[in-house]
């Protein structure tokens, strides 16, 4: 009554207009004056948008985004508020305060009421995994007006597991990296993740589908050439899985040499005799037999043996009678497991050599006198059974009974290639050894 201060008796909790009242002022002489007053109750306050920069539409922050993101917003004012400030920024998980920024706070731009909290590891490092609520607290009118706004965002900065990959190492060895199966199976893929692979040392990555990809046939991939990574649903990228040793994709079958596959062997040929030499080559070895393993199959497989590393085919037992068409199939397998087959047909043939043996100038009595001995020669014509080439006389032996009198093993006559004839010229080096009696002359051929 003595100072004229007008106040509401109770807090006005709702906005409304036109609370009218008249103030009457009375002086000491009793004079009065009246002043009508109209009071309206208005809403006043502060709020702000809160925006994470660069996080896309998923409202989630991954590790790459976290190192660059900022918080920003624009303050909205209800009523008249001046001297607007951010008093604190609080980060919570659930009801637990994780971090509070109360110093070095961003200022509110007076012209457009915007603000930005720069990226700084002093606060970003406090945010690890999970849902975070950010509350920006505002004040104005020298602290008489306050307000706050919040946003909840998921933070996922844990990168997914490093993918691994496997392949089937075919062939004789299961750890040499050589295979005829180019399918690569990718493991450790996270549900909801995408994955990529590279076959050129990581220079180019291709989006993968399913959980596998296929390498190019007949190609060698050096160590680290094949790389696989995955990206989880929020964009975190895993470490890269690589091949630590070379991988060779070999889908080319071995190649047999061009030697004939229809083969004749002699009756009674020793079992050590080579019937056929396979001589196969493969993509990863330039020499015959290198990296090749041999085996045989077929109806006559029990008759033959083959060396697994050199492909030498032999009979298991001596073939004592002539016959045709012992068929067998040689299978050559390279280090990648590729196979090629070579059918072989072997025929056992009668084969032999004999020769006529004729003394010249001895008449019909089949006896040699002194005059005839001084001029006679030995000659003959070789008869061949089967196919025989490079025929030679290996020795000529003169015997009386079972006693060898003389053997010619050097300077032997040659067999004429055109008509298979031969002649041992008269020479005292051998005729002088033949004196009186019956002599058997044996001509040995090869």
Protein backbone atom coordinates (compact mmCIF):
# COMPACT_ATOMS: atom_id res chain seq x y z
CA UNK A 1 0.00 0.00 0.00
CA UNK A 2 2.91 2.40 0.57
CA UNK A 3 5.01 1.59 -2.55
CA UNK A 4 2.39 0.73 -5.19
CA UNK A 5 4.03 -2.59 -6.23
CA UNK A 6 1.44 -4.76 -7.99
CA UNK A 7 1.92 -8.56 -7.94
CA UNK A 8 -0.10 -11.68 -8.61
CA UNK A 9 -1.16 -13.40 -5.45
CA UNK A 10 -0.63 -16.87 -7.01
CA UNK A 11 1.55 -18.20 -9.80
CA UNK A 12 -0.25 -17.96 -13.12
CA UNK A 13 0.26 -21.39 -14.63
CA UNK A 14 -1.58 -20.84 -17.89
CA UNK A 15 -1.40 -18.17 -20.50
CA UNK A 16 -4.34 -15.77 -20.72
CA UNK A 17 -5.13 -12.15 -21.54
CA UNK A 18 -6.86 -9.14 -20.01
CA UNK A 19 -6.58 -9.44 -16.27
CA UNK A 20 -7.84 -5.85 -15.63
CA UNK A 21 -7.44 -3.98 -12.36
CA UNK A 22 -7.61 -0.28 -11.32
CA UNK A 23 -4.99 1.16 -9.02
CA UNK A 24 -6.28 4.01 -6.77
CA UNK A 25 -3.71 6.44 -5.42
CA UNK A 26 -4.81 8.65 -2.38
CA UNK A 27 -2.74 11.55 -1.11
CA UNK A 28 -2.60 12.97 2.46
CA UNK A 29 -5.35 15.46 1.73
CA UNK A 30 -7.67 12.66 0.66
CA UNK A 31 -7.51 13.34 -3.03
CA UNK A 32 -7.69 10.21 -5.26
CA UNK A 33 -6.67 9.21 -8.74
CA UNK A 34 -7.31 5.95 -10.56
CA UNK A 35 -5.13 4.02 -13.05
CA UNK A 36 -6.73 1.12 -14.98
CA UNK A 37 -4.21 -1.72 -15.65
CA UNK A 38 -4.58 -4.65 -18.07
CA UNK A 39 -2.28 -7.63 -17.47
CA UNK A 40 -1.83 -10.53 -19.91
CA UNK A 41 0.02 -13.74 -18.94
CA UNK A 42 2.30 -14.92 -21.81
CA UNK A 43 4.40 -18.06 -22.44
CA UNK A 44 8.18 -17.41 -22.63
CA UNK A 45 10.95 -19.93 -23.18
CA UNK A 46 13.94 -21.29 -25.07
CA UNK A 47 14.48 -24.50 -27.06
CA UNK A 48 16.89 -25.62 -29.73
CA UNK A 49 17.18 -28.15 -32.48
CA UNK A 50 20.01 -30.67 -31.94
CA UNK A 51 21.56 -32.16 -35.06
CA UNK A 52 24.45 -34.57 -35.59
CA UNK A 53 26.22 -33.75 -38.85
CA UNK A 54 27.14 -36.38 -41.44
CA UNK A 55 25.38 -39.41 -39.97
CA UNK A 56 22.98 -40.18 -42.81
CA UNK A 57 19.39 -41.23 -42.44
CA UNK A 58 19.95 -44.15 -40.07
CA UNK A 59 20.39 -41.87 -37.02
CA UNK A 60 23.45 -43.92 -36.09
CA UNK A 61 27.06 -42.87 -35.78
CA UNK A 62 29.81 -45.23 -36.92
CA UNK A 63 33.52 -44.92 -36.25
CA UNK A 64 34.29 -42.94 -39.41
CA UNK A 65 31.43 -40.52 -38.76
CA UNK A 66 32.39 -40.08 -35.13
CA UNK A 67 35.81 -38.61 -35.96
CA UNK A 68 34.22 -35.86 -38.05
CA UNK A 69 30.72 -35.22 -36.73
CA UNK A 70 29.58 -32.00 -35.04
CA UNK A 71 26.57 -31.08 -32.94
CA UNK A 72 24.66 -28.00 -34.01
CA UNK A 73 21.26 -26.36 -33.78
CA UNK A 74 19.14 -23.25 -33.98
CA UNK A 75 17.62 -21.77 -30.85
CA UNK A 76 13.88 -21.10 -30.92
CA UNK A 77 12.64 -18.23 -28.71
CA UNK A 78 9.16 -17.85 -27.28
CA UNK A 79 8.51 -14.39 -26.06
CA UNK A 80 11.29 -11.92 -25.62
CA UNK A 81 14.57 -13.39 -24.46
CA UNK A 82 17.97 -11.79 -24.68
CA UNK A 83 21.52 -12.78 -23.75
CA UNK A 84 20.94 -16.38 -24.82
CA UNK A 85 23.67 -18.87 -23.83
CA UNK A 86 24.27 -22.62 -23.76
CA UNK A 87 24.85 -23.40 -20.11
CA UNK A 88 25.83 -27.06 -20.53
CA UNK A 89 25.65 -30.08 -22.84
CA UNK A 90 24.99 -33.38 -21.14
CA UNK A 91 25.46 -36.91 -22.61
CA UNK A 92 23.56 -39.76 -20.99
CA UNK A 93 23.08 -43.48 -21.46
CA UNK A 94 19.73 -44.20 -19.94
CA UNK A 95 19.72 -42.28 -16.66
CA UNK A 96 23.50 -42.32 -16.31
CA UNK A 97 25.44 -39.18 -17.10
CA UNK A 98 28.43 -40.21 -19.25
CA UNK A 99 29.90 -36.77 -19.89
CA UNK A 100 29.04 -33.11 -19.31
CA UNK A 101 30.48 -30.17 -21.20
CA UNK A 102 30.34 -27.12 -18.94
CA UNK A 103 33.27 -25.11 -20.25
CA UNK A 104 34.38 -23.98 -23.70
CA UNK A 105 30.79 -24.17 -24.77
CA UNK A 106 29.69 -22.99 -28.21
CA UNK A 107 28.18 -19.51 -28.39
CA UNK A 108 24.77 -18.74 -29.84
CA UNK A 109 25.04 -16.50 -32.89
CA UNK A 110 23.10 -13.31 -32.12
CA UNK A 111 22.02 -12.80 -35.71
CA UNK A 112 20.45 -16.17 -36.46
CA UNK A 113 20.51 -17.99 -33.10
CA UNK A 114 22.62 -20.86 -34.48
CA UNK A 115 25.33 -22.70 -32.59
CA UNK A 116 27.85 -25.50 -33.38
CA UNK A 117 29.86 -27.78 -31.13
CA UNK A 118 33.04 -28.62 -33.03
CA UNK A 119 34.36 -32.19 -33.17
CA UNK A 120 36.83 -32.76 -30.38
CA UNK A 121 38.12 -36.00 -28.92
CA UNK A 122 37.69 -34.58 -25.41
CA UNK A 123 33.98 -35.36 -25.75
CA UNK A 124 33.73 -37.77 -28.70
CA UNK A 125 36.09 -40.20 -26.98
CA UNK A 126 33.58 -40.52 -24.13
CA UNK A 127 30.93 -41.91 -26.45
CA UNK A 128 31.51 -45.58 -27.22
CA UNK A 129 28.76 -48.09 -27.92
CA UNK A 130 25.01 -47.77 -27.39
CA UNK A 131 22.18 -45.22 -27.38
CA UNK A 132 23.09 -41.76 -26.16
CA UNK A 133 20.76 -38.87 -25.25
CA UNK A 134 22.26 -35.41 -25.76
CA UNK A 135 20.64 -32.58 -23.77
CA UNK A 136 21.51 -28.98 -24.60
CA UNK A 137 20.67 -26.64 -21.68
CA UNK A 138 19.92 -22.96 -22.50
CA UNK A 139 19.59 -19.78 -20.47
CA UNK A 140 18.54 -16.20 -21.25
CA UNK A 141 17.50 -12.95 -19.68
CA UNK A 142 20.45 -13.20 -17.29
CA UNK A 143 19.44 -16.67 -16.23
CA UNK A 144 15.79 -15.89 -15.60
CA UNK A 145 14.69 -17.92 -18.62
CA UNK A 146 15.94 -21.44 -19.18
CA UNK A 147 15.19 -24.25 -21.57
CA UNK A 148 16.60 -27.50 -22.82
CA UNK A 149 16.29 -29.81 -25.80
CA UNK A 150 17.42 -33.39 -26.33
CA UNK A 151 18.08 -35.91 -29.06
CA UNK A 152 18.75 -39.64 -28.71
CA UNK A 153 21.16 -41.25 -31.16
CA UNK A 154 22.67 -44.72 -31.49
CA UNK A 155 26.47 -44.85 -31.55
CA UNK A 156 28.14 -47.93 -33.01
CA UNK A 157 31.89 -47.54 -33.52
CA UNK A 158 32.87 -51.19 -33.12
CA UNK A 159 34.07 -52.57 -36.46
CA UNK A 160 32.81 -56.00 -37.47
CA UNK A 161 35.03 -59.08 -37.35
CA UNK A 162 37.66 -59.53 -40.02
CA UNK A 163 36.31 -61.93 -42.64
CA UNK A 164 38.19 -65.09 -43.45
CA UNK A 165 37.96 -67.15 -46.60
CA UNK A 166 38.64 -70.73 -47.59
CA UNK A 167 38.94 -72.78 -50.75
CA UNK A 168 39.20 -76.46 -51.58
CA UNK A 169 42.83 -77.37 -52.26
CA UNK A 170 42.47 -80.21 -54.75
CA UNK A 171 45.10 -82.56 -56.15
CA UNK A 172 47.73 -84.77 -54.60
CA UNK A 173 48.56 -82.22 -51.87
CA UNK A 174 45.96 -80.38 -49.82
CA UNK A 175 48.27 -77.57 -48.72
CA UNK A 176 50.13 -76.46 -51.86
CA UNK A 177 47.65 -73.74 -52.87
CA UNK A 178 47.07 -75.35 -56.28
CA UNK A 179 43.46 -76.23 -57.08
CA UNK A 180 41.09 -76.78 -59.95
CA UNK A 181 38.21 -75.32 -57.93
CA UNK A 182 38.13 -71.51 -57.98
CA UNK A 183 35.24 -71.14 -55.49
CA UNK A 184 36.18 -68.96 -52.51
CA UNK A 185 33.93 -69.24 -49.45
CA UNK A 186 33.80 -66.19 -47.18
CA UNK A 187 33.35 -66.71 -43.43
CA UNK A 188 32.73 -64.53 -40.34
CA UNK A 189 30.17 -62.35 -42.11
CA UNK A 190 28.00 -60.30 -39.75
CA UNK A 191 24.22 -60.40 -40.13
CA UNK A 192 23.09 -57.30 -41.98
CA UNK A 193 26.58 -56.46 -43.19
CA UNK A 194 27.69 -56.03 -46.77
CA UNK A 195 31.03 -57.36 -48.00
CA UNK A 196 33.47 -56.69 -50.77
CA UNK A 197 36.39 -58.53 -52.29
CA UNK A 198 39.43 -57.66 -54.36
CA UNK A 199 41.63 -59.87 -56.54
CA UNK A 200 44.24 -57.23 -57.41
CA UNK A 201 45.92 -56.41 -54.10
CA UNK A 202 43.06 -54.18 -52.93
CA UNK A 203 43.23 -51.75 -55.85
CA UNK A 204 39.60 -52.47 -56.72
CA UNK A 205 36.87 -53.93 -54.53
CA UNK A 206 33.74 -55.63 -55.87
CA UNK A 207 30.51 -56.03 -53.92
CA UNK A 208 30.04 -59.63 -52.88
CA UNK A 209 26.78 -61.58 -52.88
CA UNK A 210 25.82 -64.57 -50.79
CA UNK A 211 28.97 -65.86 -49.12
CA UNK A 212 31.27 -66.80 -52.00
CA UNK A 213 32.93 -65.68 -55.21
CA UNK A 214 34.82 -67.47 -57.97
CA UNK A 215 38.37 -66.84 -59.13
CA UNK A 216 39.40 -66.89 -62.79
CA UNK A 217 40.53 -70.21 -64.24
CA UNK A 218 44.21 -70.81 -65.00
CA UNK A 219 45.34 -67.79 -63.02
CA UNK A 220 47.93 -67.38 -60.28
CA UNK A 221 47.11 -65.06 -57.37
CA UNK A 222 50.14 -63.86 -55.43
CA UNK A 223 50.12 -63.52 -51.65
CA UNK A 224 47.80 -60.68 -50.53
CA UNK A 225 46.23 -60.40 -54.00
CA UNK A 226 42.89 -61.71 -52.69
CA UNK A 227 41.33 -59.45 -50.06
CA UNK A 228 37.95 -59.48 -48.30
CA UNK A 229 36.35 -56.91 -46.00
CA UNK A 230 32.87 -56.30 -44.60
CA UNK A 231 30.91 -53.19 -43.68
CA UNK A 232 28.29 -53.42 -40.94
CA UNK A 233 24.83 -51.90 -41.08
CA UNK A 234 26.01 -48.55 -39.73
CA UNK A 235 29.06 -48.30 -41.95
CA UNK A 236 31.92 -49.58 -39.78
CA UNK A 237 34.51 -51.35 -41.96
CA UNK A 238 36.32 -54.44 -40.76
CA UNK A 239 39.99 -55.25 -41.04
CA UNK A 240 40.87 -56.92 -44.34
CA UNK A 241 41.36 -60.68 -44.68
CA UNK A 242 44.08 -61.67 -47.17
CA UNK A 243 45.65 -64.78 -48.64
CA UNK A 244 49.04 -65.21 -47.01
CA UNK A 245 50.43 -67.49 -49.73
CA UNK A 246 49.87 -67.82 -53.48
CA UNK A 247 46.76 -69.53 -54.83
CA UNK A 248 46.85 -71.11 -58.29
CA UNK A 249 43.62 -71.91 -60.14
CA UNK A 250 44.52 -74.64 -62.64
CA UNK A 251 41.64 -76.17 -64.61
CA UNK A 252 43.71 -77.42 -67.55
CA UNK A 253 43.98 -81.19 -67.95
CA UNK A 254 47.42 -82.74 -68.37
CA UNK A 255 48.59 -83.40 -71.93
CA UNK A 256 50.07 -86.70 -73.08
CA UNK A 257 52.95 -86.87 -75.53
CA UNK A 258 52.37 -87.79 -79.18
CA UNK A 259 53.96 -91.24 -79.07
CA UNK A 260 51.95 -94.15 -80.61
CA UNK A 261 49.35 -95.79 -78.41
CA UNK A 262 49.19 -99.10 -80.33
CA UNK A 263 52.27 -100.99 -79.16
CA UNK A 264 53.83 -104.34 -80.04
CA UNK A 265 56.12 -106.21 -77.65
CA UNK A 266 57.98 -109.47 -78.08
CA UNK A 267 56.98 -112.78 -76.62
CA UNK A 268 59.07 -113.46 -73.50
CA UNK A 269 60.07 -109.80 -73.15
CA UNK A 270 61.58 -109.23 -69.66
CA UNK A 271 59.19 -107.60 -67.19
CA UNK A 272 61.65 -104.75 -66.77
CA UNK A 273 61.06 -103.69 -70.37
CA UNK A 274 59.16 -100.41 -70.82
CA UNK A 275 55.94 -101.05 -72.71
CA UNK A 276 54.89 -97.38 -72.76
CA UNK A 277 56.28 -94.12 -71.33
CA UNK A 278 53.33 -91.80 -70.65
CA UNK A 279 55.23 -88.48 -70.57
CA UNK A 280 52.34 -86.19 -69.60
CA UNK A 281 52.82 -82.49 -68.85
CA UNK A 282 50.70 -80.06 -66.86
CA UNK A 283 50.01 -76.32 -66.67
CA UNK A 284 52.39 -75.75 -63.75
CA UNK A 285 55.33 -77.86 -64.90
CA UNK A 286 57.08 -77.56 -68.21
CA UNK A 287 58.83 -80.95 -68.15
CA UNK A 288 57.23 -84.32 -68.80
CA UNK A 289 56.10 -86.07 -65.60
CA UNK A 290 56.69 -82.96 -63.46
CA UNK A 291 53.83 -82.63 -61.00
CA UNK A 292 52.02 -85.63 -62.54
CA UNK A 293 50.79 -88.76 -60.76
CA UNK A 294 49.92 -91.82 -62.86
CA UNK A 295 47.58 -94.74 -62.36
CA UNK A 296 45.93 -97.30 -64.66
CA UNK A 297 42.42 -98.61 -65.05
CA UNK A 298 40.50 -100.96 -67.30
CA UNK A 299 39.79 -104.68 -67.78
CA UNK A 300 43.46 -105.60 -68.15
CA UNK A 301 44.72 -103.53 -65.24
CA UNK A 302 45.92 -106.65 -63.42
CA UNK A 303 48.37 -107.43 -66.23
CA UNK A 304 50.28 -104.16 -65.96
CA UNK A 305 52.23 -102.02 -63.52
CA UNK A 306 52.90 -98.30 -63.82
CA UNK A 307 55.32 -96.08 -61.93
CA UNK A 308 53.22 -93.39 -60.28
CA UNK A 309 55.77 -90.62 -60.75
CA UNK A 310 57.26 -91.38 -64.19
CA UNK A 311 54.43 -93.16 -66.04
CA UNK A 312 56.48 -96.21 -67.11
CA UNK A 313 54.09 -99.04 -68.08
CA UNK A 314 55.34 -102.63 -67.86
CA UNK A 315 53.88 -106.12 -67.83
CA UNK A 316 53.72 -107.71 -64.38
CA UNK A 317 54.70 -111.13 -65.76
CA UNK A 318 56.53 -112.37 -68.83
CA UNK A 319 54.10 -112.83 -71.73
CA UNK A 320 54.98 -116.29 -73.03
CA UNK A 321 52.43 -116.51 -75.86
CA UNK A 322 51.53 -114.19 -78.67
CA UNK A 323 48.21 -112.36 -78.39
CA UNK A 324 46.60 -109.06 -79.33
CA UNK A 325 44.72 -106.22 -77.66
CA UNK A 326 45.74 -105.98 -74.05
CA UNK A 327 43.98 -102.65 -73.50
CA UNK A 328 44.59 -100.43 -70.49
CA UNK A 329 43.92 -96.77 -69.75
CA UNK A 330 46.61 -94.58 -68.23
CA UNK A 331 45.23 -91.78 -66.03
CA UNK A 332 47.48 -88.76 -65.47
CA UNK A 333 46.55 -86.46 -62.56
CA UNK A 334 48.26 -83.09 -62.12
CA UNK A 335 48.93 -81.25 -58.86
CA UNK A 336 45.59 -79.43 -59.11
CA UNK A 337 43.65 -82.70 -59.47
CA UNK A 338 42.91 -82.35 -63.19
CA UNK A 339 42.90 -85.67 -65.02
CA UNK A 340 43.56 -86.85 -68.56
CA UNK A 341 43.25 -90.39 -69.89
CA UNK A 342 45.28 -92.20 -72.54
CA UNK A 343 43.97 -95.58 -73.78
CA UNK A 344 46.81 -97.97 -74.70
CA UNK A 345 46.55 -101.18 -76.74
CA UNK A 346 49.41 -103.65 -76.37
CA UNK A 347 49.88 -106.72 -78.59
CA UNK A 348 52.39 -109.48 -77.81
CA UNK A 349 54.05 -110.67 -81.00
CA UNK A 350 56.26 -113.58 -81.94
CA UNK A 351 59.58 -112.09 -82.92
CA UNK A 352 62.90 -113.60 -83.79
CA UNK A 353 65.99 -113.78 -85.94
CA UNK A 354 67.70 -116.67 -87.72
CA UNK A 355 70.16 -116.97 -90.53
CA UNK A 356 71.36 -119.44 -93.06
CA UNK A 357 75.04 -120.38 -92.73
CA UNK A 358 76.83 -121.42 -95.91
CA UNK A 359 80.46 -122.34 -96.61
CA UNK A 360 81.44 -121.24 -100.11
CA UNK A 361 83.35 -123.46 -102.61
CA UNK A 362 83.26 -126.72 -100.63
CA UNK A 363 81.35 -128.89 -103.10
CA UNK A 364 78.56 -131.29 -102.29
CA UNK A 365 80.47 -133.45 -99.81
CA UNK A 366 80.11 -130.86 -97.02
CA UNK A 367 83.81 -131.23 -96.34
CA UNK A 368 86.57 -128.67 -96.58
CA UNK A 369 90.02 -129.65 -97.79
CA UNK A 370 93.18 -127.60 -97.49
CA UNK A 371 92.76 -125.82 -100.82
CA UNK A 372 89.13 -124.98 -100.09
CA UNK A 373 90.01 -123.74 -96.57
CA UNK A 374 92.39 -121.22 -98.04
CA UNK A 375 89.59 -119.60 -100.08
CA UNK A 376 86.26 -120.39 -98.42
CA UNK A 377 83.94 -117.81 -96.87
CA UNK A 378 80.96 -118.03 -94.51
CA UNK A 379 77.77 -116.23 -95.57
CA UNK A 380 74.02 -116.23 -95.04
CA UNK A 381 70.72 -114.43 -95.21
CA UNK A 382 68.96 -113.37 -92.04
CA UNK A 383 65.29 -114.41 -91.66
CA UNK A 384 63.10 -112.13 -89.53
CA UNK A 385 59.93 -113.01 -87.58
CA UNK A 386 57.97 -109.93 -86.62
CA UNK A 387 59.47 -106.48 -86.83
CA UNK A 388 63.15 -106.23 -86.10
CA UNK A 389 65.46 -103.37 -86.99
CA UNK A 390 69.16 -102.63 -86.52
CA UNK A 391 70.16 -106.26 -87.04
CA UNK A 392 73.72 -107.19 -86.21
CA UNK A 393 75.89 -110.25 -85.88
CA UNK A 394 77.05 -110.26 -82.30
CA UNK A 395 79.49 -113.19 -82.54
CA UNK A 396 80.50 -116.26 -84.58
CA UNK A 397 81.49 -119.31 -82.54
CA UNK A 398 83.35 -122.42 -83.78
CA UNK A 399 83.02 -125.57 -81.67
CA UNK A 400 84.19 -129.16 -81.73
CA UNK A 401 81.61 -131.03 -79.74
CA UNK A 402 81.01 -128.92 -76.65
CA UNK A 403 84.41 -127.29 -76.80
CA UNK A 404 84.71 -123.76 -78.14
CA UNK A 405 87.66 -123.65 -80.48
CA UNK A 406 87.41 -120.01 -81.59
CA UNK A 407 85.07 -117.04 -81.20
CA UNK A 408 84.93 -114.02 -83.50
CA UNK A 409 83.62 -111.05 -81.50
CA UNK A 410 85.29 -108.18 -83.32
CA UNK A 411 85.50 -107.11 -86.96
CA UNK A 412 82.29 -109.02 -87.58
CA UNK A 413 80.51 -108.87 -90.93
CA UNK A 414 77.60 -106.43 -91.19
CA UNK A 415 74.09 -107.41 -92.23
CA UNK A 416 73.05 -105.71 -95.47
CA UNK A 417 69.99 -103.57 -94.70
CA UNK A 418 68.47 -104.04 -98.14
CA UNK A 419 68.55 -107.85 -98.41
CA UNK A 420 69.69 -108.99 -94.93
CA UNK A 421 72.72 -110.85 -96.34
CA UNK A 422 76.12 -111.11 -94.73
CA UNK A 423 79.54 -112.58 -95.58
CA UNK A 424 82.52 -113.45 -93.40
CA UNK A 425 85.57 -113.04 -95.61
CA UNK A 426 88.35 -115.65 -95.60
CA UNK A 427 91.02 -114.71 -93.10
CA UNK A 428 93.72 -116.83 -91.53
CA UNK A 429 92.94 -115.28 -88.12
CA UNK A 430 90.01 -117.65 -87.93
CA UNK A 431 90.62 -120.29 -90.63
CA UNK A 432 93.93 -121.18 -89.02
CA UNK A 433 92.06 -122.20 -85.87
CA UNK A 434 90.13 -124.90 -87.73
CA UNK A 435 92.26 -128.03 -88.23
CA UNK A 436 90.96 -131.62 -88.35
CA UNK A 437 87.49 -132.83 -87.39
CA UNK A 438 83.84 -131.84 -87.30
CA UNK A 439 83.13 -128.21 -86.50
CA UNK A 440 79.85 -126.53 -85.59
CA UNK A 441 79.57 -122.88 -86.58
CA UNK A 442 77.04 -120.77 -84.63
CA UNK A 443 76.16 -117.26 -85.83
CA UNK A 444 74.62 -115.18 -83.04
CA UNK A 445 72.32 -112.35 -84.09
CA UNK A 446 70.89 -109.33 -82.29
